PDB file of N, CA and C in Angstrom:
ATOM      1  N   MET A   1      93.816  67.241 143.046  1.00  0.00           N
ATOM      2  CA  MET A   1      94.701  67.509 143.436  1.00  0.00           C
ATOM      3  C   MET A   1      95.783  66.773 144.105  1.00  0.00           C
ATOM      4  N   LYS A   2      97.101  67.695 145.097  1.00  0.00           N
ATOM      5  CA  LYS A   2      97.740  66.831 145.528  1.00  0.00           C
ATOM      6  C   LYS A   2      97.593  67.214 147.152  1.00  0.00           C
ATOM      7  N   GLU A   3      98.280  66.160 147.509  1.00  0.00           N
ATOM      8  CA  GLU A   3      97.845  66.457 148.636  1.00  0.00           C
ATOM      9  C   GLU A   3      98.411  67.454 149.562  1.00  0.00           C
ATOM     10  N   ASP A   4      99.501  67.614 149.511  1.00  0.00           N
ATOM     11  CA  ASP A   4     100.134  69.403 149.880  1.00  0.00           C
ATOM     12  C   ASP A   4      99.667  70.903 149.764  1.00  0.00           C
ATOM     13  N   GLU A   5      98.362  70.705 149.317  1.00  0.00           N
ATOM     14  CA  GLU A   5      98.202  71.967 148.172  1.00  0.00           C
ATOM     15  C   GLU A   5      96.323  71.482 149.236  1.00  0.00           C
ATOM     16  N   SER A   6      96.289  70.875 149.314  1.00  0.00           N
ATOM     17  CA  SER A   6      95.068  70.552 150.090  1.00  0.00           C
ATOM     18  C   SER A   6      95.325  70.274 152.235  1.00  0.00           C
ATOM     19  N   ARG A   7      93.731  70.113 152.679  1.00  0.00           N
ATOM     20  CA  ARG A   7      93.906  70.167 154.145  1.00  0.00           C
ATOM     21  C   ARG A   7      92.597  69.375 154.316  1.00  0.00           C
ATOM     22  N   LEU A   8      92.210  68.629 155.237  1.00  0.00           N
ATOM     23  CA  LEU A   8      91.461  68.523 155.714  1.00  0.00           C
ATOM     24  C   LEU A   8      90.563  69.181 156.586  1.00  0.00           C
ATOM     25  N   GLU A   9      88.689  69.530 156.246  1.00  0.00           N
ATOM     26  CA  GLU A   9      88.401  70.144 156.603  1.00  0.00           C
ATOM     27  C   GLU A   9      87.422  69.787 157.612  1.00  0.00           C
ATOM     28  N   ASN A  10      86.648  69.612 158.773  1.00  0.00           N
ATOM     29  CA  ASN A  10      85.474  69.486 159.329  1.00  0.00           C
ATOM     30  C   ASN A  10      84.644  70.287 160.139  1.00  0.00           C
ATOM     31  N   ASP A  11      83.717  69.904 159.218  1.00  0.00           N
ATOM     32  CA  ASP A  11      82.034  70.269 158.880  1.00  0.00           C
ATOM     33  C   ASP A  11      81.662  70.591 160.730  1.00  0.00           C
ATOM     34  N   GLY A  12      82.118  69.377 161.073  1.00  0.00           N
ATOM     35  CA  GLY A  12      81.248  69.143 162.888  1.00  0.00           C
ATOM     36  C   GLY A  12      80.395  67.692 162.968  1.00  0.00           C
ATOM     37  N   GLY A  13      80.137  67.639 163.968  1.00  0.00           N
ATOM     38  CA  GLY A  13      80.034  66.918 164.483  1.00  0.00           C
ATOM     39  C   GLY A  13      81.341  65.540 164.680  1.00  0.00           C
ATOM     40  N   GLY A  14      80.607  65.150 164.737  1.00  0.00           N
ATOM     41  CA  GLY A  14      81.384  63.620 165.409  1.00  0.00           C
ATOM     42  C   GLY A  14      82.261  62.610 164.378  1.00  0.00           C
ATOM     43  N   ASP A  15      81.275  61.987 163.456  1.00  0.00           N
ATOM     44  CA  ASP A  15      81.885  61.538 162.471  1.00  0.00           C
ATOM     45  C   ASP A  15      82.321  62.242 161.591  1.00  0.00           C
ATOM     46  N   HIS A  16      82.363  61.679 160.189  1.00  0.00           N
ATOM     47  CA  HIS A  16      83.410  62.143 159.046  1.00  0.00           C
ATOM     48  C   HIS A  16      83.073  61.998 157.888  1.00  0.00           C
ATOM     49  N   SER A  17      81.144  61.543 157.725  1.00  0.00           N
ATOM     50  CA  SER A  17      80.479  62.540 157.514  1.00  0.00           C
ATOM     51  C   SER A  17      80.833  63.676 156.745  1.00  0.00           C
ATOM     52  N   GLY A  18      80.938  64.505 157.669  1.00  0.00           N
ATOM     53  CA  GLY A  18      80.792  65.585 157.721  1.00  0.00           C
ATOM     54  C   GLY A  18      82.513  66.621 156.658  1.00  0.00           C
ATOM     55  N   ARG A  19      83.328  66.170 156.424  1.00  0.00           N
ATOM     56  CA  ARG A  19      84.711  66.691 156.523  1.00  0.00           C
ATOM     57  C   ARG A  19      84.428  66.780 154.663  1.00  0.00           C
ATOM     58  N   LYS A  20      84.885  67.435 154.191  1.00  0.00           N
ATOM     59  CA  LYS A  20      85.422  67.821 153.112  1.00  0.00           C
ATOM     60  C   LYS A  20      87.184  68.287 153.281  1.00  0.00           C
ATOM     61  N   PHE A  21      87.603  68.221 151.537  1.00  0.00           N
ATOM     62  CA  PHE A  21      88.849  68.703 151.244  1.00  0.00           C
ATOM     63  C   PHE A  21      88.756  69.867 150.811  1.00  0.00           C
ATOM     64  N   VAL A  22      89.874  70.656 151.178  1.00  0.00           N
ATOM     65  CA  VAL A  22      89.349  72.301 151.006  1.00  0.00           C
ATOM     66  C   VAL A  22      90.766  73.340 150.181  1.00  0.00           C
ATOM     67  N   GLU A  23      90.761  73.843 149.196  1.00  0.00           N
ATOM     68  CA  GLU A  23      92.238  74.148 148.508  1.00  0.00           C
ATOM     69  C   GLU A  23      93.303  74.961 149.990  1.00  0.00           C
ATOM     70  N   ALA A  24      94.115  75.185 150.201  1.00  0.00           N
ATOM     71  CA  ALA A  24      95.329  75.183 151.009  1.00  0.00           C
ATOM     72  C   ALA A  24      95.277  77.325 150.003  1.00  0.00           C
ATOM     73  N   PRO A  25      95.983  77.802 150.573  1.00  0.00           N
ATOM     74  CA  PRO A  25      96.007  79.203 149.613  1.00  0.00           C
ATOM     75  C   PRO A  25      97.468  78.629 148.951  1.00  0.00           C
ATOM     76  N   PRO A  26      97.443  79.162 147.844  1.00  0.00           N
ATOM     77  CA  PRO A  26      98.830  79.529 147.530  1.00  0.00           C
ATOM     78  C   PRO A  26     100.195  79.421 147.561  1.00  0.00           C
ATOM     79  N   ILE A  27     100.472  80.957 148.598  1.00  0.00           N
ATOM     80  CA  ILE A  27     101.787  80.849 149.040  1.00  0.00           C
ATOM     81  C   ILE A  27     101.619  80.680 150.859  1.00  0.00           C
ATOM     82  N   ASP A  28     102.499  80.233 151.381  1.00  0.00           N
ATOM     83  CA  ASP A  28     102.355  80.033 152.909  1.00  0.00           C
ATOM     84  C   ASP A  28     102.550  80.806 153.433  1.00  0.00           C
ATOM     85  N   MET A  29     102.289  81.405 154.124  1.00  0.00           N
ATOM     86  CA  MET A  29     101.645  82.522 154.874  1.00  0.00           C
ATOM     87  C   MET A  29     102.775  82.910 156.375  1.00  0.00           C
ATOM     88  N   ALA A  30     102.533  81.246 156.487  1.00  0.00           N
ATOM     89  CA  ALA A  30     103.427  80.991 157.948  1.00  0.00           C
ATOM     90  C   ALA A  30     105.166  81.546 157.542  1.00  0.00           C
ATOM     91  N   HIS A  31     105.198  80.465 156.280  1.00  0.00           N
ATOM     92  CA  HIS A  31     107.365  80.852 155.647  1.00  0.00           C
ATOM     93  C   HIS A  31     107.188  82.321 155.969  1.00  0.00           C
ATOM     94  N   LEU A  32     106.016  82.924 155.213  1.00  0.00           N
ATOM     95  CA  LEU A  32     106.393  84.258 154.197  1.00  0.00           C
ATOM     96  C   LEU A  32     106.734  85.184 155.598  1.00  0.00           C
ATOM     97  N   THR A  33     105.983  85.083 156.793  1.00  0.00           N
ATOM     98  CA  THR A  33     106.169  85.678 157.935  1.00  0.00           C
ATOM     99  C   THR A  33     107.341  85.132 158.577  1.00  0.00           C
ATOM    100  N   ARG A  34     107.943  84.000 158.400  1.00  0.00           N
ATOM    101  CA  ARG A  34     109.498  83.633 159.148  1.00  0.00           C
ATOM    102  C   ARG A  34     110.629  84.815 157.975  1.00  0.00           C
ATOM    103  N   HIS A  35     110.232  84.763 157.051  1.00  0.00           N
ATOM    104  CA  HIS A  35     110.860  84.907 156.821  1.00  0.00           C
ATOM    105  C   HIS A  35     110.841  86.892 156.238  1.00  0.00           C
ATOM    106  N   THR A  36     110.213  87.009 157.037  1.00  0.00           N
ATOM    107  CA  THR A  36     110.024  88.848 156.643  1.00  0.00           C
ATOM    108  C   THR A  36     109.667  89.067 158.352  1.00  0.00           C
ATOM    109  N   LEU A  37     110.889  88.368 159.265  1.00  0.00           N
ATOM    110  CA  LEU A  37     110.372  88.479 160.687  1.00  0.00           C
ATOM    111  C   LEU A  37     109.304  88.946 161.144  1.00  0.00           C
ATOM    112  N   GLY A  38     107.832  88.589 160.377  1.00  0.00           N
ATOM    113  CA  GLY A  38     106.903  89.195 161.648  1.00  0.00           C
ATOM    114  C   GLY A  38     106.456  90.423 161.059  1.00  0.00           C
ATOM    115  N   ASP A  39     107.113  91.179 159.758  1.00  0.00           N
ATOM    116  CA  ASP A  39     106.943  92.727 159.031  1.00  0.00           C
ATOM    117  C   ASP A  39     105.631  92.718 158.466  1.00  0.00           C
ATOM    118  N   GLU A  40     104.655  93.337 158.859  1.00  0.00           N
ATOM    119  CA  GLU A  40     104.017  92.982 156.872  1.00  0.00           C
ATOM    120  C   GLU A  40     104.394  94.082 156.748  1.00  0.00           C
ATOM    121  N   GLU A  41     104.721  94.547 157.015  1.00  0.00           N
ATOM    122  CA  GLU A  41     105.168  95.911 155.617  1.00  0.00           C
ATOM    123  C   GLU A  41     106.263  95.285 154.667  1.00  0.00           C
ATOM    124  N   ILE A  42     107.156  94.811 155.051  1.00  0.00           N
ATOM    125  CA  ILE A  42     108.253  94.294 154.245  1.00  0.00           C
ATOM    126  C   ILE A  42     107.846  93.106 153.224  1.00  0.00           C
ATOM    127  N   ALA A  43     106.667  92.258 154.040  1.00  0.00           N
ATOM    128  CA  ALA A  43     106.259  90.639 153.354  1.00  0.00           C
ATOM    129  C   ALA A  43     105.002  91.423 152.116  1.00  0.00           C
ATOM    130  N   ARG A  44     104.762  92.994 152.416  1.00  0.00           N
ATOM    131  CA  ARG A  44     103.552  92.864 151.308  1.00  0.00           C
ATOM    132  C   ARG A  44     104.496  94.073 150.192  1.00  0.00           C
ATOM    133  N   GLU A  45     105.569  93.693 150.680  1.00  0.00           N
ATOM    134  CA  GLU A  45     106.467  94.706 149.689  1.00  0.00           C
ATOM    135  C   GLU A  45     107.542  93.448 148.964  1.00  0.00           C
ATOM    136  N   VAL A  46     106.908  92.536 150.013  1.00  0.00           N
ATOM    137  CA  VAL A  46     108.115  91.285 148.728  1.00  0.00           C
ATOM    138  C   VAL A  46     106.814  90.765 147.949  1.00  0.00           C
ATOM    139  N   LEU A  47     106.470  90.564 148.487  1.00  0.00           N
ATOM    140  CA  LEU A  47     104.836  90.175 147.503  1.00  0.00           C
ATOM    141  C   LEU A  47     104.734  90.931 146.780  1.00  0.00           C
ATOM    142  N   ASP A  48     104.291  92.511 146.650  1.00  0.00           N
ATOM    143  CA  ASP A  48     104.473  93.074 145.482  1.00  0.00           C
ATOM    144  C   ASP A  48     106.156  92.919 144.751  1.00  0.00           C
ATOM    145  N   LEU A  49     106.916  92.643 144.834  1.00  0.00           N
ATOM    146  CA  LEU A  49     107.947  92.173 144.147  1.00  0.00           C
ATOM    147  C   LEU A  49     107.800  90.957 143.469  1.00  0.00           C
ATOM    148  N   PHE A  50     107.250  89.712 144.242  1.00  0.00           N
ATOM    149  CA  PHE A  50     106.955  88.838 143.297  1.00  0.00           C
ATOM    150  C   PHE A  50     105.820  89.095 142.182  1.00  0.00           C
ATOM    151  N   LEU A  51     105.020  89.994 142.497  1.00  0.00           N
ATOM    152  CA  LEU A  51     104.181  90.217 141.860  1.00  0.00           C
ATOM    153  C   LEU A  51     104.548  90.219 140.474  1.00  0.00           C
ATOM    154  N   ILE A  52     105.316  91.618 140.413  1.00  0.00           N
ATOM    155  CA  ILE A  52     105.799  92.232 139.711  1.00  0.00           C
ATOM    156  C   ILE A  52     106.486  90.595 138.497  1.00  0.00           C
ATOM    157  N   GLU A  53     107.230  90.176 139.294  1.00  0.00           N
ATOM    158  CA  GLU A  53     107.998  88.770 138.552  1.00  0.00           C
ATOM    159  C   GLU A  53     107.982  88.169 138.122  1.00  0.00           C
ATOM    160  N   MET A  54     106.609  88.042 138.890  1.00  0.00           N
ATOM    161  CA  MET A  54     105.921  86.754 138.502  1.00  0.00           C
ATOM    162  C   MET A  54     105.146  87.028 136.682  1.00  0.00           C
ATOM    163  N   ARG A  55     104.864  87.979 137.182  1.00  0.00           N
ATOM    164  CA  ARG A  55     104.253  88.562 135.532  1.00  0.00           C
ATOM    165  C   ARG A  55     105.034  88.889 133.999  1.00  0.00           C
ATOM    166  N   SER A  56     106.253  89.173 134.386  1.00  0.00           N
ATOM    167  CA  SER A  56     107.377  89.359 133.693  1.00  0.00           C
ATOM    168  C   SER A  56     106.993  87.755 133.324  1.00  0.00           C
ATOM    169  N   ALA A  57     107.140  86.879 134.255  1.00  0.00           N
ATOM    170  CA  ALA A  57     108.188  85.728 134.022  1.00  0.00           C
ATOM    171  C   ALA A  57     106.826  84.577 132.732  1.00  0.00           C
ATOM    172  N   ARG A  58     105.831  85.539 133.467  1.00  0.00           N
ATOM    173  CA  ARG A  58     104.416  84.940 132.471  1.00  0.00           C
ATOM    174  C   ARG A  58     104.646  84.957 130.992  1.00  0.00           C
ATOM    175  N   GLU A  59     104.645  86.118 130.565  1.00  0.00           N
ATOM    176  CA  GLU A  59     105.021  86.776 129.350  1.00  0.00           C
ATOM    177  C   GLU A  59     106.211  85.769 128.898  1.00  0.00           C
ATOM    178  N   VAL A  60     106.927  85.306 129.246  1.00  0.00           N
ATOM    179  CA  VAL A  60     108.452  84.442 129.151  1.00  0.00           C
ATOM    180  C   VAL A  60     107.780  83.177 128.307  1.00  0.00           C
ATOM    181  N   VAL A  61     107.046  82.824 129.833  1.00  0.00           N
ATOM    182  CA  VAL A  61     106.510  81.583 129.586  1.00  0.00           C
ATOM    183  C   VAL A  61     106.653  80.989 128.710  1.00  0.00           C
ATOM    184  N   ARG A  62     105.598  82.090 127.267  1.00  0.00           N
ATOM    185  CA  ARG A  62     104.051  82.113 126.728  1.00  0.00           C
ATOM    186  C   ARG A  62     104.758  81.502 125.571  1.00  0.00           C
ATOM    187  N   GLY A  63     106.282  82.344 125.902  1.00  0.00           N
ATOM    188  CA  GLY A  63     106.528  82.339 123.921  1.00  0.00           C
ATOM    189  C   GLY A  63     108.609  82.358 124.107  1.00  0.00           C
ATOM    190  N   GLY A  64     108.578  81.858 125.296  1.00  0.00           N
ATOM    191  CA  GLY A  64     110.285  82.302 125.040  1.00  0.00           C
ATOM    192  C   GLY A  64     110.904  81.191 125.364  1.00  0.00           C
ATOM    193  N   GLU A  65     112.079  81.289 123.680  1.00  0.00           N
ATOM    194  CA  GLU A  65     113.713  80.640 123.715  1.00  0.00           C
ATOM    195  C   GLU A  65     113.381  79.572 124.760  1.00  0.00           C
ATOM    196  N   GLU A  66     114.264  78.827 124.409  1.00  0.00           N
ATOM    197  CA  GLU A  66     114.619  77.591 125.147  1.00  0.00           C
ATOM    198  C   GLU A  66     115.446  78.153 126.558  1.00  0.00           C
ATOM    199  N   ALA A  67     116.604  78.565 125.702  1.00  0.00           N
ATOM    200  CA  ALA A  67     117.485  79.492 126.902  1.00  0.00           C
ATOM    201  C   ALA A  67     116.957  80.837 128.064  1.00  0.00           C
ATOM    202  N   GLU A  68     116.126  81.451 127.355  1.00  0.00           N
ATOM    203  CA  GLU A  68     115.913  81.947 128.078  1.00  0.00           C
ATOM    204  C   GLU A  68     114.467  81.470 129.220  1.00  0.00           C
ATOM    205  N   LEU A  69     113.811  80.313 128.626  1.00  0.00           N
ATOM    206  CA  LEU A  69     112.741  79.522 129.243  1.00  0.00           C
ATOM    207  C   LEU A  69     113.864  79.702 130.908  1.00  0.00           C
ATOM    208  N   ARG A  70     114.859  78.132 130.481  1.00  0.00           N
ATOM    209  CA  ARG A  70     114.956  78.229 131.729  1.00  0.00           C
ATOM    210  C   ARG A  70     115.753  78.826 132.574  1.00  0.00           C
ATOM    211  N   ALA A  71     116.108  80.624 132.733  1.00  0.00           N
ATOM    212  CA  ALA A  71     116.826  81.149 133.555  1.00  0.00           C
ATOM    213  C   ALA A  71     115.754  81.208 133.741  1.00  0.00           C
ATOM    214  N   VAL A  72     114.789  82.006 133.435  1.00  0.00           N
ATOM    215  CA  VAL A  72     113.454  82.695 134.172  1.00  0.00           C
ATOM    216  C   VAL A  72     112.299  81.982 135.083  1.00  0.00           C
ATOM    217  N   ALA A  73     112.943  80.170 134.138  1.00  0.00           N
ATOM    218  CA  ALA A  73     111.942  79.402 135.686  1.00  0.00           C
ATOM    219  C   ALA A  73     113.405  79.091 136.639  1.00  0.00           C
ATOM    220  N   HIS A  74     114.089  79.314 136.184  1.00  0.00           N
ATOM    221  CA  HIS A  74     115.383  79.136 137.190  1.00  0.00           C
ATOM    222  C   HIS A  74     114.886  80.253 138.399  1.00  0.00           C
ATOM    223  N   ARG A  75     114.917  81.409 137.762  1.00  0.00           N
ATOM    224  CA  ARG A  75     114.954  82.411 139.382  1.00  0.00           C
ATOM    225  C   ARG A  75     113.310  82.621 139.205  1.00  0.00           C
ATOM    226  N   ILE A  76     112.445  82.234 139.204  1.00  0.00           N
ATOM    227  CA  ILE A  76     111.005  81.840 139.571  1.00  0.00           C
ATOM    228  C   ILE A  76     110.523  81.087 140.818  1.00  0.00           C
ATOM    229  N   LYS A  77     111.336  80.008 140.315  1.00  0.00           N
ATOM    230  CA  LYS A  77     112.267  78.945 141.188  1.00  0.00           C
ATOM    231  C   LYS A  77     112.126  79.311 142.715  1.00  0.00           C
ATOM    232  N   GLY A  78     113.111  79.899 142.729  1.00  0.00           N
ATOM    233  CA  GLY A  78     113.938  80.459 143.602  1.00  0.00           C
ATOM    234  C   GLY A  78     113.132  81.652 144.510  1.00  0.00           C
ATOM    235  N   ALA A  79     112.686  82.796 143.396  1.00  0.00           N
ATOM    236  CA  ALA A  79     111.589  84.067 143.771  1.00  0.00           C
ATOM    237  C   ALA A  79     110.588  82.771 144.932  1.00  0.00           C
ATOM    238  N   ALA A  80     109.719  82.057 144.603  1.00  0.00           N
ATOM    239  CA  ALA A  80     108.151  81.371 144.015  1.00  0.00           C
ATOM    240  C   ALA A  80     108.855  80.848 145.423  1.00  0.00           C
ATOM    241  N   ARG A  81     110.373  79.746 146.452  1.00  0.00           N
ATOM    242  CA  ARG A  81     110.119  78.948 147.689  1.00  0.00           C
ATOM    243  C   ARG A  81     110.000  79.868 148.115  1.00  0.00           C
ATOM    244  N   ALA A  82     111.249  81.748 147.846  1.00  0.00           N
ATOM    245  CA  ALA A  82     110.923  82.331 149.146  1.00  0.00           C
ATOM    246  C   ALA A  82     110.608  82.809 149.357  1.00  0.00           C
ATOM    247  N   VAL A  83     108.721  83.005 148.793  1.00  0.00           N
ATOM    248  CA  VAL A  83     107.789  83.827 149.734  1.00  0.00           C
ATOM    249  C   VAL A  83     106.641  83.196 149.761  1.00  0.00           C
ATOM    250  N   GLY A  84     107.631  81.796 149.703  1.00  0.00           N
ATOM    251  CA  GLY A  84     106.051  80.191 150.209  1.00  0.00           C
ATOM    252  C   GLY A  84     105.527  80.446 149.314  1.00  0.00           C
ATOM    253  N   ALA A  85     105.345  80.419 148.586  1.00  0.00           N
ATOM    254  CA  ALA A  85     104.701  79.654 146.642  1.00  0.00           C
ATOM    255  C   ALA A  85     105.434  78.635 145.961  1.00  0.00           C
ATOM    256  N   PHE A  86     105.346  77.258 147.118  1.00  0.00           N
ATOM    257  CA  PHE A  86     106.140  75.899 146.590  1.00  0.00           C
ATOM    258  C   PHE A  86     105.224  75.527 145.913  1.00  0.00           C
ATOM    259  N   GLY A  87     103.611  75.335 144.970  1.00  0.00           N
ATOM    260  CA  GLY A  87     103.716  74.474 143.773  1.00  0.00           C
ATOM    261  C   GLY A  87     103.847  75.334 142.237  1.00  0.00           C
ATOM    262  N   LEU A  88     104.167  76.371 142.559  1.00  0.00           N
ATOM    263  CA  LEU A  88     104.482  76.979 141.593  1.00  0.00           C
ATOM    264  C   LEU A  88     105.963  76.869 141.746  1.00  0.00           C
ATOM    265  N   ALA A  89     106.259  77.175 142.362  1.00  0.00           N
ATOM    266  CA  ALA A  89     108.332  76.864 142.638  1.00  0.00           C
ATOM    267  C   ALA A  89     108.580  75.552 141.357  1.00  0.00           C
ATOM    268  N   GLU A  90     107.659  74.470 142.080  1.00  0.00           N
ATOM    269  CA  GLU A  90     107.780  72.699 141.900  1.00  0.00           C
ATOM    270  C   GLU A  90     107.591  73.199 140.066  1.00  0.00           C
ATOM    271  N   ILE A  91     106.800  73.507 139.766  1.00  0.00           N
ATOM    272  CA  ILE A  91     106.149  74.008 138.455  1.00  0.00           C
ATOM    273  C   ILE A  91     107.266  74.201 137.771  1.00  0.00           C
ATOM    274  N   ALA A  92     108.177  75.517 138.715  1.00  0.00           N
ATOM    275  CA  ALA A  92     108.737  76.590 137.477  1.00  0.00           C
ATOM    276  C   ALA A  92     110.181  74.774 137.402  1.00  0.00           C
ATOM    277  N   ALA A  93     110.129  74.270 138.437  1.00  0.00           N
ATOM    278  CA  ALA A  93     111.247  73.746 138.472  1.00  0.00           C
ATOM    279  C   ALA A  93     111.225  72.554 137.725  1.00  0.00           C
ATOM    280  N   ARG A  94     110.043  72.065 137.008  1.00  0.00           N
ATOM    281  CA  ARG A  94     109.782  71.102 135.887  1.00  0.00           C
ATOM    282  C   ARG A  94     109.973  71.779 134.649  1.00  0.00           C
ATOM    283  N   ILE A  95     109.928  73.069 134.369  1.00  0.00           N
ATOM    284  CA  ILE A  95     109.728  74.499 133.466  1.00  0.00           C
ATOM    285  C   ILE A  95     111.470  74.052 133.067  1.00  0.00           C
ATOM    286  N   GLU A  96     112.525  74.686 133.652  1.00  0.00           N
ATOM    287  CA  GLU A  96     114.142  74.722 133.895  1.00  0.00           C
ATOM    288  C   GLU A  96     114.073  72.885 134.116  1.00  0.00           C
ATOM    289  N   ASP A  97     114.114  72.069 134.303  1.00  0.00           N
ATOM    290  CA  ASP A  97     114.129  70.687 133.541  1.00  0.00           C
ATOM    291  C   ASP A  97     114.330  70.695 132.531  1.00  0.00           C
ATOM    292  N   ALA A  98     112.789  70.895 131.926  1.00  0.00           N
ATOM    293  CA  ALA A  98     112.103  70.355 130.341  1.00  0.00           C
ATOM    294  C   ALA A  98     111.752  71.338 129.789  1.00  0.00           C
ATOM    295  N   PRO A  99     112.363  72.761 128.967  1.00  0.00           N
ATOM    296  CA  PRO A  99     111.723  73.682 128.704  1.00  0.00           C
ATOM    297  C   PRO A  99     111.041  73.439 127.494  1.00  0.00           C
ATOM    298  N   LYS A 100     111.238  72.668 127.249  1.00  0.00           N
ATOM    299  CA  LYS A 100     110.693  72.672 125.123  1.00  0.00           C
ATOM    300  C   LYS A 100     109.658  71.290 125.261  1.00  0.00           C
ATOM    301  N   ASP A 101     109.338  71.239 126.738  1.00  0.00           N
ATOM    302  CA  ASP A 101     107.649  70.090 126.978  1.00  0.00           C
ATOM    303  C   ASP A 101     106.907  71.146 127.378  1.00  0.00           C
ATOM    304  N   GLY A 102     106.222  72.142 126.342  1.00  0.00           N
ATOM    305  CA  GLY A 102     104.780  73.008 126.823  1.00  0.00           C
ATOM    306  C   GLY A 102     103.609  73.055 127.271  1.00  0.00           C
ATOM    307  N   SER A 103     103.943  71.474 127.769  1.00  0.00           N
ATOM    308  CA  SER A 103     102.334  71.202 129.179  1.00  0.00           C
ATOM    309  C   SER A 103     102.863  71.794 130.430  1.00  0.00           C
ATOM    310  N   HIS A 104     104.251  72.232 130.559  1.00  0.00           N
ATOM    311  CA  HIS A 104     104.169  72.632 131.748  1.00  0.00           C
ATOM    312  C   HIS A 104     103.288  74.476 132.381  1.00  0.00           C
ATOM    313  N   VAL A 105     103.417  74.684 130.976  1.00  0.00           N
ATOM    314  CA  VAL A 105     102.309  76.154 129.987  1.00  0.00           C
ATOM    315  C   VAL A 105     101.393  76.701 130.949  1.00  0.00           C
ATOM    316  N   ASP A 106     100.960  75.810 130.926  1.00  0.00           N
ATOM    317  CA  ASP A 106      99.554  75.757 131.461  1.00  0.00           C
ATOM    318  C   ASP A 106      99.247  75.777 132.654  1.00  0.00           C
ATOM    319  N   ASP A 107      99.941  75.097 133.255  1.00  0.00           N
ATOM    320  CA  ASP A 107     100.262  74.120 134.666  1.00  0.00           C
ATOM    321  C   ASP A 107     100.898  75.854 136.282  1.00  0.00           C
ATOM    322  N   PHE A 108     101.609  77.044 135.364  1.00  0.00           N
ATOM    323  CA  PHE A 108     102.461  77.715 135.636  1.00  0.00           C
ATOM    324  C   PHE A 108     101.443  78.855 135.344  1.00  0.00           C
ATOM    325  N   ASN A 109     100.622  78.891 134.421  1.00  0.00           N
ATOM    326  CA  ASN A 109     100.480  80.630 134.062  1.00  0.00           C
ATOM    327  C   ASN A 109      98.965  79.692 134.721  1.00  0.00           C
ATOM    328  N   GLY A 110      97.981  78.422 135.355  1.00  0.00           N
ATOM    329  CA  GLY A 110      96.617  78.839 135.788  1.00  0.00           C
ATOM    330  C   GLY A 110      97.378  79.079 137.400  1.00  0.00           C
ATOM    331  N   ARG A 111      98.494  78.195 137.731  1.00  0.00           N
ATOM    332  CA  ARG A 111      98.763  78.655 139.006  1.00  0.00           C
ATOM    333  C   ARG A 111      99.342  80.120 139.126  1.00  0.00           C
ATOM    334  N   ALA A 112      99.917  80.955 138.906  1.00  0.00           N
ATOM    335  CA  ALA A 112     100.568  81.765 138.449  1.00  0.00           C
ATOM    336  C   ALA A 112      99.152  83.325 138.414  1.00  0.00           C
ATOM    337  N   GLY A 113      98.253  83.092 137.995  1.00  0.00           N
ATOM    338  CA  GLY A 113      96.632  83.392 137.946  1.00  0.00           C
ATOM    339  C   GLY A 113      96.558  83.130 139.751  1.00  0.00           C
ATOM    340  N   ASP A 114      96.312  81.783 140.171  1.00  0.00           N
ATOM    341  CA  ASP A 114      95.816  81.956 141.413  1.00  0.00           C
ATOM    342  C   ASP A 114      96.448  82.611 142.284  1.00  0.00           C
ATOM    343  N   ILE A 115      98.040  82.847 142.278  1.00  0.00           N
ATOM    344  CA  ILE A 115      98.486  83.436 143.276  1.00  0.00           C
ATOM    345  C   ILE A 115      98.508  85.173 142.995  1.00  0.00           C
ATOM    346  N   GLU A 116      98.233  85.194 141.978  1.00  0.00           N
ATOM    347  CA  GLU A 116      98.068  87.102 141.485  1.00  0.00           C
ATOM    348  C   GLU A 116      96.444  87.512 142.626  1.00  0.00           C
ATOM    349  N   ARG A 117      96.452  86.781 142.135  1.00  0.00           N
ATOM    350  CA  ARG A 117      94.194  87.160 142.833  1.00  0.00           C
ATOM    351  C   ARG A 117      94.505  86.164 143.947  1.00  0.00           C
ATOM    352  N   TYR A 118      95.407  85.580 144.921  1.00  0.00           N
ATOM    353  CA  TYR A 118      95.704  85.752 145.830  1.00  0.00           C
ATOM    354  C   TYR A 118      96.900  86.642 146.588  1.00  0.00           C
ATOM    355  N   ILE A 119      97.460  87.292 146.102  1.00  0.00           N
ATOM    356  CA  ILE A 119      97.947  87.960 146.249  1.00  0.00           C
ATOM    357  C   ILE A 119      97.607  89.676 146.795  1.00  0.00           C
ATOM    358  N   LEU A 120      96.128  89.977 145.363  1.00  0.00           N
ATOM    359  CA  LEU A 120      95.564  90.552 145.497  1.00  0.00           C
ATOM    360  C   LEU A 120      94.434  91.651 146.300  1.00  0.00           C
ATOM    361  N   SER A 121      93.876  89.652 146.779  1.00  0.00           N
ATOM    362  CA  SER A 121      93.115  89.321 147.252  1.00  0.00           C
ATOM    363  C   SER A 121      93.688  89.999 149.019  1.00  0.00           C
ATOM    364  N   LEU A 122      95.020  89.533 149.603  1.00  0.00           N
ATOM    365  CA  LEU A 122      94.867  89.989 150.545  1.00  0.00           C
ATOM    366  C   LEU A 122      95.899  91.357 150.439  1.00  0.00           C
ATOM    367  N   GLN A 123      96.006  91.846 149.915  1.00  0.00           N
ATOM    368  CA  GLN A 123      95.570  93.432 149.356  1.00  0.00           C
ATOM    369  C   GLN A 123      94.575  94.481 149.805  1.00  0.00           C
ATOM    370  N   GLY A 124      93.631  93.175 149.625  1.00  0.00           N
ATOM    371  CA  GLY A 124      92.789  94.353 149.050  1.00  0.00           C
ATOM    372  C   GLY A 124      92.655  95.537 147.772  1.00  0.00           C
ATOM    373  N   ARG A 125      92.792  94.672 146.777  1.00  0.00           N
ATOM    374  CA  ARG A 125      92.623  94.915 145.673  1.00  0.00           C
ATOM    375  C   ARG A 125      91.837  94.051 145.000  1.00  0.00           C
ATOM    376  N   ARG A 126      91.465  94.080 143.584  1.00  0.00           N
ATOM    377  CA  ARG A 126      91.275  92.596 142.754  1.00  0.00           C
ATOM    378  C   ARG A 126      91.667  93.119 141.402  1.00  0.00           C
TER     379      ARG A 126
END
């Protein structure tokens, strides 16, 4: 687990024995809130559009040609940074830099799945 994807949580007590690592949400909601000027309706719309874009990208990442992979990875990298999905943006950057290296596909699909579940949970859907 990467350091920027987790935080230390204290379960109480004065010593450190009650601490444990918990995963941070896959989207930095503070970042998204700043970019949508605190408007929850706009934030929901942005997340809906990002979800559509991400689902489309997952299809290309599974079996696209090199040029297509670079283009989709570049597009997702920017979109992910805009909404605060920095982990996905990092993976997309790796795909953009080395589209023939298939090792990033599982990482991309796993992270995209986490983000999709997170967005749907925010919207009360499953």
